[in-house]
PDB file of N, CA and C in Angstrom:
ATOM      1  N   MET A   1       3.228  10.632  -7.112  1.00  0.00           N
ATOM      2  CA  MET A   1       2.241  10.385  -5.891  1.00  0.00           C
ATOM      3  C   MET A   1       2.813  11.346  -5.031  1.00  0.00           C
ATOM      4  N   GLU A   2       4.362  10.884  -4.973  1.00  0.00           N
ATOM      5  CA  GLU A   2       5.162  11.321  -4.110  1.00  0.00           C
ATOM      6  C   GLU A   2       4.420  12.096  -2.031  1.00  0.00           C
ATOM      7  N   ARG A   3       4.030  10.825  -1.694  1.00  0.00           N
ATOM      8  CA  ARG A   3       3.694  11.598  -0.318  1.00  0.00           C
ATOM      9  C   ARG A   3       4.459  10.855   0.550  1.00  0.00           C
ATOM     10  N   ILE A   4       4.582  11.849   1.775  1.00  0.00           N
ATOM     11  CA  ILE A   4       5.613  11.672   2.867  1.00  0.00           C
ATOM     12  C   ILE A   4       5.105  10.299   3.488  1.00  0.00           C
ATOM     13  N   SER A   5       4.218  10.183   4.128  1.00  0.00           N
ATOM     14  CA  SER A   5       4.083   8.963   4.552  1.00  0.00           C
ATOM     15  C   SER A   5       2.266   8.365   4.011  1.00  0.00           C
ATOM     16  N   LEU A   6       2.268   7.143   5.111  1.00  0.00           N
ATOM     17  CA  LEU A   6       0.650   6.187   4.152  1.00  0.00           C
ATOM     18  C   LEU A   6      -0.224   6.989   5.422  1.00  0.00           C
ATOM     19  N   GLN A   7      -0.264   8.186   6.124  1.00  0.00           N
ATOM     20  CA  GLN A   7      -1.253   8.964   6.780  1.00  0.00           C
ATOM     21  C   GLN A   7      -1.515   9.946   6.281  1.00  0.00           C
ATOM     22  N   ASP A   8      -0.964  10.307   4.694  1.00  0.00           N
ATOM     23  CA  ASP A   8      -1.381  11.317   4.069  1.00  0.00           C
ATOM     24  C   ASP A   8      -2.198  11.091   3.010  1.00  0.00           C
ATOM     25  N   PHE A   9      -3.009   9.411   3.434  1.00  0.00           N
ATOM     26  CA  PHE A   9      -3.347   9.019   2.321  1.00  0.00           C
ATOM     27  C   PHE A   9      -4.906   8.509   2.992  1.00  0.00           C
ATOM     28  N   THR A  10      -6.355   8.396   2.363  1.00  0.00           N
ATOM     29  CA  THR A  10      -7.238   8.069   2.945  1.00  0.00           C
ATOM     30  C   THR A  10      -6.650   6.771   2.227  1.00  0.00           C
ATOM     31  N   GLU A  11      -7.782   5.356   2.931  1.00  0.00           N
ATOM     32  CA  GLU A  11      -7.491   4.252   2.512  1.00  0.00           C
ATOM     33  C   GLU A  11      -7.644   3.858   0.849  1.00  0.00           C
ATOM     34  N   GLN A  12      -9.025   4.775   0.619  1.00  0.00           N
ATOM     35  CA  GLN A  12      -9.520   4.758  -0.247  1.00  0.00           C
ATOM     36  C   GLN A  12      -8.880   4.928  -1.724  1.00  0.00           C
ATOM     37  N   GLU A  13      -7.840   6.307  -1.384  1.00  0.00           N
ATOM     38  CA  GLU A  13      -6.799   6.913  -2.141  1.00  0.00           C
ATOM     39  C   GLU A  13      -5.585   5.498  -2.585  1.00  0.00           C
ATOM     40  N   PHE A  14      -5.378   4.778  -1.422  1.00  0.00           N
ATOM     41  CA  PHE A  14      -3.694   4.067  -1.620  1.00  0.00           C
ATOM     42  C   PHE A  14      -4.497   2.763  -1.996  1.00  0.00           C
ATOM     43  N   ILE A  15      -5.667   2.652  -1.753  1.00  0.00           N
ATOM     44  CA  ILE A  15      -6.204   1.333  -3.085  1.00  0.00           C
ATOM     45  C   ILE A  15      -6.320   1.491  -4.465  1.00  0.00           C
ATOM     46  N   ASN A  16      -6.430   3.335  -4.696  1.00  0.00           N
ATOM     47  CA  ASN A  16      -6.191   3.007  -6.277  1.00  0.00           C
ATOM     48  C   ASN A  16      -5.445   3.424  -6.493  1.00  0.00           C
ATOM     49  N   PHE A  17      -3.905   3.810  -5.447  1.00  0.00           N
ATOM     50  CA  PHE A  17      -2.602   3.658  -6.085  1.00  0.00           C
ATOM     51  C   PHE A  17      -2.473   2.484  -6.029  1.00  0.00           C
ATOM     52  N   ALA A  18      -2.831   1.439  -5.295  1.00  0.00           N
ATOM     53  CA  ALA A  18      -2.084   0.015  -5.649  1.00  0.00           C
ATOM     54  C   ALA A  18      -3.016  -0.531  -6.860  1.00  0.00           C
ATOM     55  N   HIS A  19      -4.254  -0.222  -7.027  1.00  0.00           N
ATOM     56  CA  HIS A  19      -4.693  -0.881  -8.278  1.00  0.00           C
ATOM     57  C   HIS A  19      -3.777   0.048  -9.450  1.00  0.00           C
ATOM     58  N   LYS A  20      -3.997   0.913  -9.390  1.00  0.00           N
ATOM     59  CA  LYS A  20      -3.093   1.536 -10.716  1.00  0.00           C
ATOM     60  C   LYS A  20      -1.770   0.872 -11.138  1.00  0.00           C
ATOM     61  N   ILE A  21      -0.816   0.882  -9.907  1.00  0.00           N
ATOM     62  CA  ILE A  21       0.687  -0.101  -9.954  1.00  0.00           C
ATOM     63  C   ILE A  21       0.323  -1.740 -10.116  1.00  0.00           C
ATOM     64  N   LEU A  22      -0.837  -1.864 -10.060  1.00  0.00           N
ATOM     65  CA  LEU A  22      -0.811  -3.741 -10.643  1.00  0.00           C
ATOM     66  C   LEU A  22      -1.232  -3.638 -11.838  1.00  0.00           C
ATOM     67  N   LEU A  23      -2.279  -2.340 -12.427  1.00  0.00           N
ATOM     68  CA  LEU A  23      -2.447  -2.494 -14.176  1.00  0.00           C
ATOM     69  C   LEU A  23      -1.048  -1.937 -14.558  1.00  0.00           C
ATOM     70  N   ALA A  24      -0.318  -1.320 -14.098  1.00  0.00           N
ATOM     71  CA  ALA A  24       1.076  -0.846 -14.773  1.00  0.00           C
ATOM     72  C   ALA A  24       0.208   0.387 -15.708  1.00  0.00           C
ATOM     73  N   GLU A  25      -0.440   1.223 -15.143  1.00  0.00           N
ATOM     74  CA  GLU A  25      -1.330   2.652 -15.697  1.00  0.00           C
ATOM     75  C   GLU A  25       0.095   3.807 -15.368  1.00  0.00           C
ATOM     76  N   PHE A  26       0.995   3.376 -16.156  1.00  0.00           N
ATOM     77  CA  PHE A  26       2.174   4.454 -16.276  1.00  0.00           C
ATOM     78  C   PHE A  26       2.690   4.952 -17.889  1.00  0.00           C
ATOM     79  N   GLU A  27       2.673   5.745 -17.824  1.00  0.00           N
ATOM     80  CA  GLU A  27       3.660   5.996 -19.211  1.00  0.00           C
ATOM     81  C   GLU A  27       4.828   5.275 -19.510  1.00  0.00           C
ATOM     82  N   THR A  28       5.490   5.611 -18.621  1.00  0.00           N
ATOM     83  CA  THR A  28       7.159   4.757 -18.675  1.00  0.00           C
ATOM     84  C   THR A  28       6.889   3.695 -17.605  1.00  0.00           C
ATOM     85  N   THR A  29       8.061   2.840 -17.827  1.00  0.00           N
ATOM     86  CA  THR A  29       8.453   1.657 -17.046  1.00  0.00           C
ATOM     87  C   THR A  29       9.343   2.163 -15.642  1.00  0.00           C
ATOM     88  N   GLU A  30      10.093   3.736 -15.903  1.00  0.00           N
ATOM     89  CA  GLU A  30      10.148   4.284 -15.024  1.00  0.00           C
ATOM     90  C   GLU A  30       9.392   4.796 -13.968  1.00  0.00           C
ATOM     91  N   GLY A  31       8.245   5.190 -14.559  1.00  0.00           N
ATOM     92  CA  GLY A  31       6.908   5.675 -13.274  1.00  0.00           C
ATOM     93  C   GLY A  31       6.687   4.861 -12.526  1.00  0.00           C
ATOM     94  N   LEU A  32       6.153   3.556 -13.317  1.00  0.00           N
ATOM     95  CA  LEU A  32       6.230   2.525 -12.737  1.00  0.00           C
ATOM     96  C   LEU A  32       6.648   2.206 -11.640  1.00  0.00           C
ATOM     97  N   MET A  33       7.987   1.868 -11.965  1.00  0.00           N
ATOM     98  CA  MET A  33       9.294   1.439 -10.885  1.00  0.00           C
ATOM     99  C   MET A  33       9.341   2.572  -9.254  1.00  0.00           C
ATOM    100  N   LYS A  34       9.049   3.648 -10.197  1.00  0.00           N
ATOM    101  CA  LYS A  34       9.086   4.886  -9.055  1.00  0.00           C
ATOM    102  C   LYS A  34       7.740   4.684  -8.078  1.00  0.00           C
ATOM    103  N   ALA A  35       6.829   4.166  -8.812  1.00  0.00           N
ATOM    104  CA  ALA A  35       5.373   3.929  -7.976  1.00  0.00           C
ATOM    105  C   ALA A  35       5.515   3.131  -6.815  1.00  0.00           C
ATOM    106  N   VAL A  36       6.092   1.492  -7.520  1.00  0.00           N
ATOM    107  CA  VAL A  36       6.188   0.487  -6.954  1.00  0.00           C
ATOM    108  C   VAL A  36       7.484   1.000  -5.532  1.00  0.00           C
ATOM    109  N   THR A  37       8.006   1.648  -6.060  1.00  0.00           N
ATOM    110  CA  THR A  37       9.173   2.081  -4.411  1.00  0.00           C
ATOM    111  C   THR A  37       8.677   2.608  -3.822  1.00  0.00           C
ATOM    112  N   GLU A  38       7.753   3.967  -3.991  1.00  0.00           N
ATOM    113  CA  GLU A  38       6.971   4.625  -2.927  1.00  0.00           C
ATOM    114  C   GLU A  38       5.850   3.363  -2.404  1.00  0.00           C
ATOM    115  N   PHE A  39       5.450   2.800  -3.285  1.00  0.00           N
ATOM    116  CA  PHE A  39       4.587   1.778  -2.427  1.00  0.00           C
ATOM    117  C   PHE A  39       4.958   1.063  -1.235  1.00  0.00           C
ATOM    118  N   VAL A  40       6.402   0.553  -1.466  1.00  0.00           N
ATOM    119  CA  VAL A  40       7.071  -0.121  -0.634  1.00  0.00           C
ATOM    120  C   VAL A  40       7.695   0.952   0.839  1.00  0.00           C
ATOM    121  N   LEU A  41       7.940   1.623   0.265  1.00  0.00           N
ATOM    122  CA  LEU A  41       8.506   2.483   1.399  1.00  0.00           C
ATOM    123  C   LEU A  41       7.264   3.058   2.369  1.00  0.00           C
ATOM    124  N   LEU A  42       6.266   3.258   1.954  1.00  0.00           N
ATOM    125  CA  LEU A  42       5.277   3.673   2.484  1.00  0.00           C
ATOM    126  C   LEU A  42       4.276   2.665   3.355  1.00  0.00           C
ATOM    127  N   SER A  43       4.381   1.365   2.744  1.00  0.00           N
ATOM    128  CA  SER A  43       3.380   0.643   3.582  1.00  0.00           C
ATOM    129  C   SER A  43       4.443   0.112   4.356  1.00  0.00           C
ATOM    130  N   GLY A  44       5.897  -0.035   4.603  1.00  0.00           N
ATOM    131  CA  GLY A  44       6.254  -0.288   5.699  1.00  0.00           C
ATOM    132  C   GLY A  44       6.215  -1.995   5.543  1.00  0.00           C
ATOM    133  N   HIS A  45       5.451  -2.819   4.971  1.00  0.00           N
ATOM    134  CA  HIS A  45       5.558  -3.663   4.816  1.00  0.00           C
ATOM    135  C   HIS A  45       6.834  -5.001   4.753  1.00  0.00           C
ATOM    136  N   PRO A  46       7.436  -5.630   5.638  1.00  0.00           N
ATOM    137  CA  PRO A  46       8.863  -6.314   5.305  1.00  0.00           C
ATOM    138  C   PRO A  46       8.518  -6.965   4.008  1.00  0.00           C
ATOM    139  N   ALA A  47       7.319  -7.851   3.537  1.00  0.00           N
ATOM    140  CA  ALA A  47       7.883  -8.237   2.377  1.00  0.00           C
ATOM    141  C   ALA A  47       7.932  -7.667   1.172  1.00  0.00           C
ATOM    142  N   GLY A  48       7.984  -6.031   1.145  1.00  0.00           N
ATOM    143  CA  GLY A  48       8.225  -5.332   0.110  1.00  0.00           C
ATOM    144  C   GLY A  48       7.591  -5.460  -1.149  1.00  0.00           C
ATOM    145  N   THR A  49       8.051  -5.633  -2.293  1.00  0.00           N
ATOM    146  CA  THR A  49       7.802  -5.754  -3.219  1.00  0.00           C
ATOM    147  C   THR A  49       6.903  -7.017  -3.649  1.00  0.00           C
ATOM    148  N   ASP A  50       7.225  -7.675  -2.813  1.00  0.00           N
ATOM    149  CA  ASP A  50       6.464  -9.320  -3.185  1.00  0.00           C
ATOM    150  C   ASP A  50       5.417  -9.103  -2.709  1.00  0.00           C
ATOM    151  N   LEU A  51       4.650  -8.243  -2.187  1.00  0.00           N
ATOM    152  CA  LEU A  51       2.910  -8.098  -2.344  1.00  0.00           C
ATOM    153  C   LEU A  51       2.467  -7.601  -3.306  1.00  0.00           C
ATOM    154  N   ILE A  52       3.250  -7.250  -4.369  1.00  0.00           N
ATOM    155  CA  ILE A  52       2.676  -6.975  -5.567  1.00  0.00           C
ATOM    156  C   ILE A  52       3.513  -7.849  -6.400  1.00  0.00           C
ATOM    157  N   LEU A  53       4.394  -8.229  -6.319  1.00  0.00           N
ATOM    158  CA  LEU A  53       5.031  -9.755  -7.455  1.00  0.00           C
ATOM    159  C   LEU A  53       4.465 -10.438  -7.421  1.00  0.00           C
ATOM    160  N   TYR A  54       4.446 -11.470  -5.789  1.00  0.00           N
ATOM    161  CA  TYR A  54       3.688 -12.469  -5.288  1.00  0.00           C
ATOM    162  C   TYR A  54       3.143 -12.436  -4.590  1.00  0.00           C
ATOM    163  N   PRO A  55       1.553 -11.762  -4.983  1.00  0.00           N
ATOM    164  CA  PRO A  55       0.751 -11.563  -4.286  1.00  0.00           C
ATOM    165  C   PRO A  55      -0.024 -12.951  -3.573  1.00  0.00           C
ATOM    166  N   GLN A  56       0.384 -14.067  -4.524  1.00  0.00           N
ATOM    167  CA  GLN A  56      -0.368 -15.432  -3.985  1.00  0.00           C
ATOM    168  C   GLN A  56       0.124 -15.902  -2.601  1.00  0.00           C
ATOM    169  N   ASP A  57       1.111 -15.231  -2.495  1.00  0.00           N
ATOM    170  CA  ASP A  57       2.171 -16.121  -1.398  1.00  0.00           C
ATOM    171  C   ASP A  57       1.197 -15.055   0.207  1.00  0.00           C
ATOM    172  N   PHE A  58       0.205 -14.151  -0.209  1.00  0.00           N
ATOM    173  CA  PHE A  58      -0.589 -13.377   1.136  1.00  0.00           C
ATOM    174  C   PHE A  58      -1.702 -13.841   0.610  1.00  0.00           C
ATOM    175  N   ASN A  59      -2.322 -14.242  -0.018  1.00  0.00           N
ATOM    176  CA  ASN A  59      -3.811 -14.559  -0.885  1.00  0.00           C
ATOM    177  C   ASN A  59      -3.893 -13.150  -1.310  1.00  0.00           C
ATOM    178  N   ILE A  60      -3.674 -12.469  -1.895  1.00  0.00           N
ATOM    179  CA  ILE A  60      -3.864 -11.121  -2.349  1.00  0.00           C
ATOM    180  C   ILE A  60      -4.729 -11.230  -3.518  1.00  0.00           C
ATOM    181  N   THR A  61      -5.624 -10.803  -3.809  1.00  0.00           N
ATOM    182  CA  THR A  61      -6.664 -11.129  -5.067  1.00  0.00           C
ATOM    183  C   THR A  61      -6.901  -9.348  -5.592  1.00  0.00           C
ATOM    184  N   THR A  62      -6.756  -8.717  -4.694  1.00  0.00           N
ATOM    185  CA  THR A  62      -7.845  -7.173  -5.415  1.00  0.00           C
ATOM    186  C   THR A  62      -6.501  -6.388  -4.741  1.00  0.00           C
ATOM    187  N   PRO A  63      -6.933  -5.053  -4.952  1.00  0.00           N
ATOM    188  CA  PRO A  63      -5.963  -3.764  -4.427  1.00  0.00           C
ATOM    189  C   PRO A  63      -6.760  -3.924  -2.786  1.00  0.00           C
ATOM    190  N   GLN A  64      -8.042  -4.460  -2.535  1.00  0.00           N
ATOM    191  CA  GLN A  64      -8.156  -4.030  -1.185  1.00  0.00           C
ATOM    192  C   GLN A  64      -7.698  -5.331  -0.572  1.00  0.00           C
ATOM    193  N   SER A  65      -7.692  -6.135  -1.114  1.00  0.00           N
ATOM    194  CA  SER A  65      -7.034  -7.448  -0.224  1.00  0.00           C
ATOM    195  C   SER A  65      -4.880  -6.919   0.005  1.00  0.00           C
ATOM    196  N   MET A  66      -4.534  -6.583  -0.669  1.00  0.00           N
ATOM    197  CA  MET A  66      -3.372  -5.939  -0.699  1.00  0.00           C
ATOM    198  C   MET A  66      -3.399  -5.375   0.247  1.00  0.00           C
ATOM    199  N   VAL A  67      -4.575  -3.841   0.595  1.00  0.00           N
ATOM    200  CA  VAL A  67      -4.475  -3.282   1.554  1.00  0.00           C
ATOM    201  C   VAL A  67      -4.659  -3.945   2.996  1.00  0.00           C
ATOM    202  N   ASP A  68      -5.776  -4.966   2.681  1.00  0.00           N
ATOM    203  CA  ASP A  68      -5.783  -5.233   4.173  1.00  0.00           C
ATOM    204  C   ASP A  68      -4.852  -6.045   4.717  1.00  0.00           C
ATOM    205  N   VAL A  69      -4.016  -6.590   4.237  1.00  0.00           N
ATOM    206  CA  VAL A  69      -2.801  -7.114   4.889  1.00  0.00           C
ATOM    207  C   VAL A  69      -1.912  -6.111   4.947  1.00  0.00           C
ATOM    208  N   ILE A  70      -1.347  -5.255   4.529  1.00  0.00           N
ATOM    209  CA  ILE A  70      -0.666  -3.957   5.394  1.00  0.00           C
ATOM    210  C   ILE A  70      -1.465  -3.238   6.366  1.00  0.00           C
ATOM    211  N   LYS A  71      -2.522  -3.415   6.458  1.00  0.00           N
ATOM    212  CA  LYS A  71      -3.298  -2.826   7.248  1.00  0.00           C
ATOM    213  C   LYS A  71      -3.066  -3.734   8.733  1.00  0.00           C
ATOM    214  N   SER A  72      -3.656  -4.851   8.386  1.00  0.00           N
ATOM    215  CA  SER A  72      -3.445  -5.659   9.587  1.00  0.00           C
ATOM    216  C   SER A  72      -1.999  -5.905  10.004  1.00  0.00           C
ATOM    217  N   TRP A  73      -0.838  -6.199   9.379  1.00  0.00           N
ATOM    218  CA  TRP A  73       0.404  -6.003   9.031  1.00  0.00           C
ATOM    219  C   TRP A  73       0.854  -4.508  10.322  1.00  0.00           C
ATOM    220  N   ARG A  74       0.391  -3.858   9.957  1.00  0.00           N
ATOM    221  CA  ARG A  74       0.763  -2.323  10.575  1.00  0.00           C
ATOM    222  C   ARG A  74      -0.067  -2.296  11.888  1.00  0.00           C
ATOM    223  N   GLY A  75      -1.383  -2.866  11.854  1.00  0.00           N
ATOM    224  CA  GLY A  75      -1.855  -2.865  13.135  1.00  0.00           C
ATOM    225  C   GLY A  75      -1.268  -3.693  14.540  1.00  0.00           C
ATOM    226  N   GLN A  76      -0.963  -4.694  13.854  1.00  0.00           N
ATOM    227  CA  GLN A  76      -0.104  -5.545  14.883  1.00  0.00           C
ATOM    228  C   GLN A  76       1.374  -4.976  15.257  1.00  0.00           C
ATOM    229  N   HIS A  77       1.649  -4.245  14.560  1.00  0.00           N
ATOM    230  CA  HIS A  77       3.072  -3.737  15.091  1.00  0.00           C
ATOM    231  C   HIS A  77       2.696  -1.936  15.173  1.00  0.00           C
ATOM    232  N   GLY A  78       1.843  -1.777  15.869  1.00  0.00           N
ATOM    233  CA  GLY A  78       1.235  -0.284  16.700  1.00  0.00           C
ATOM    234  C   GLY A  78       1.584   0.761  15.776  1.00  0.00           C
ATOM    235  N   LEU A  79       1.544   0.387  14.189  1.00  0.00           N
ATOM    236  CA  LEU A  79       1.933   1.628  13.641  1.00  0.00           C
ATOM    237  C   LEU A  79       0.976   2.109  13.068  1.00  0.00           C
ATOM    238  N   PRO A  80       0.420   3.359  12.694  1.00  0.00           N
ATOM    239  CA  PRO A  80      -0.537   4.506  12.357  1.00  0.00           C
ATOM    240  C   PRO A  80      -1.050   3.988  10.706  1.00  0.00           C
ATOM    241  N   CYS A  81      -2.081   4.168  10.171  1.00  0.00           N
ATOM    242  CA  CYS A  81      -2.057   3.455   8.655  1.00  0.00           C
ATOM    243  C   CYS A  81      -2.780   4.836   7.677  1.00  0.00           C
ATOM    244  N   PHE A  82      -3.927   4.838   7.702  1.00  0.00           N
ATOM    245  CA  PHE A  82      -4.658   5.428   6.864  1.00  0.00           C
ATOM    246  C   PHE A  82      -5.177   7.241   7.535  1.00  0.00           C
ATOM    247  N   ARG A  83      -5.137   8.348   6.866  1.00  0.00           N
ATOM    248  CA  ARG A  83      -6.072   9.566   7.493  1.00  0.00           C
ATOM    249  C   ARG A  83      -7.123   9.292   7.895  1.00  0.00           C
ATOM    250  N   ASP A  84      -7.984   8.172   7.247  1.00  0.00           N
ATOM    251  CA  ASP A  84      -9.208   8.027   7.524  1.00  0.00           C
ATOM    252  C   ASP A  84      -9.653   6.884   8.411  1.00  0.00           C
ATOM    253  N   ASP A  85      -8.311   6.571   8.914  1.00  0.00           N
ATOM    254  CA  ASP A  85      -8.252   5.028   9.850  1.00  0.00           C
ATOM    255  C   ASP A  85      -9.099   5.571  11.247  1.00  0.00           C
ATOM    256  N   TYR A  86     -10.137   6.071  11.356  1.00  0.00           N
ATOM    257  CA  TYR A  86     -10.221   6.718  13.182  1.00  0.00           C
ATOM    258  C   TYR A  86     -10.416   5.341  14.077  1.00  0.00           C
ATOM    259  N   HIS A  87      -9.893   4.294  13.908  1.00  0.00           N
ATOM    260  CA  HIS A  87      -9.987   3.378  15.100  1.00  0.00           C
ATOM    261  C   HIS A  87      -8.557   3.775  15.315  1.00  0.00           C
ATOM    262  N   ALA A  88      -7.695   3.326  14.472  1.00  0.00           N
ATOM    263  CA  ALA A  88      -5.796   3.785  14.888  1.00  0.00           C
ATOM    264  C   ALA A  88      -6.159   4.919  15.599  1.00  0.00           C
ATOM    265  N   ILE A  89      -7.003   6.314  15.330  1.00  0.00           N
ATOM    266  CA  ILE A  89      -6.612   7.586  15.881  1.00  0.00           C
ATOM    267  C   ILE A  89      -7.110   7.485  17.258  1.00  0.00           C
ATOM    268  N   ALA A  90      -8.143   6.741  17.490  1.00  0.00           N
ATOM    269  CA  ALA A  90      -8.832   6.329  19.141  1.00  0.00           C
ATOM    270  C   ALA A  90      -7.884   5.898  19.853  1.00  0.00           C
ATOM    271  N   LEU A  91      -7.000   4.689  19.389  1.00  0.00           N
ATOM    272  CA  LEU A  91      -6.026   4.381  20.210  1.00  0.00           C
ATOM    273  C   LEU A  91      -5.295   4.608  21.154  1.00  0.00           C
TER     274      LEU A  91
END
């Protein structure tokens, strides 16, 4: 995927990316690990891989709820989110 920032994604694209990671839909373990690393770097969330590996700690049950945790944290810290997050753009 290799995008530079979270703002390069629409929210739905990032949800799809998270879903692919959660289902481990990659041809190799290396591909999965690269995607996980990219996810962590793009999200910027301090929990890092725990969002994926220990989702129960964040009440994460779906890719959407994972993205909701990231959006909430980024909003609380004044960080931009997705390309189609018009509320953040208006601030």
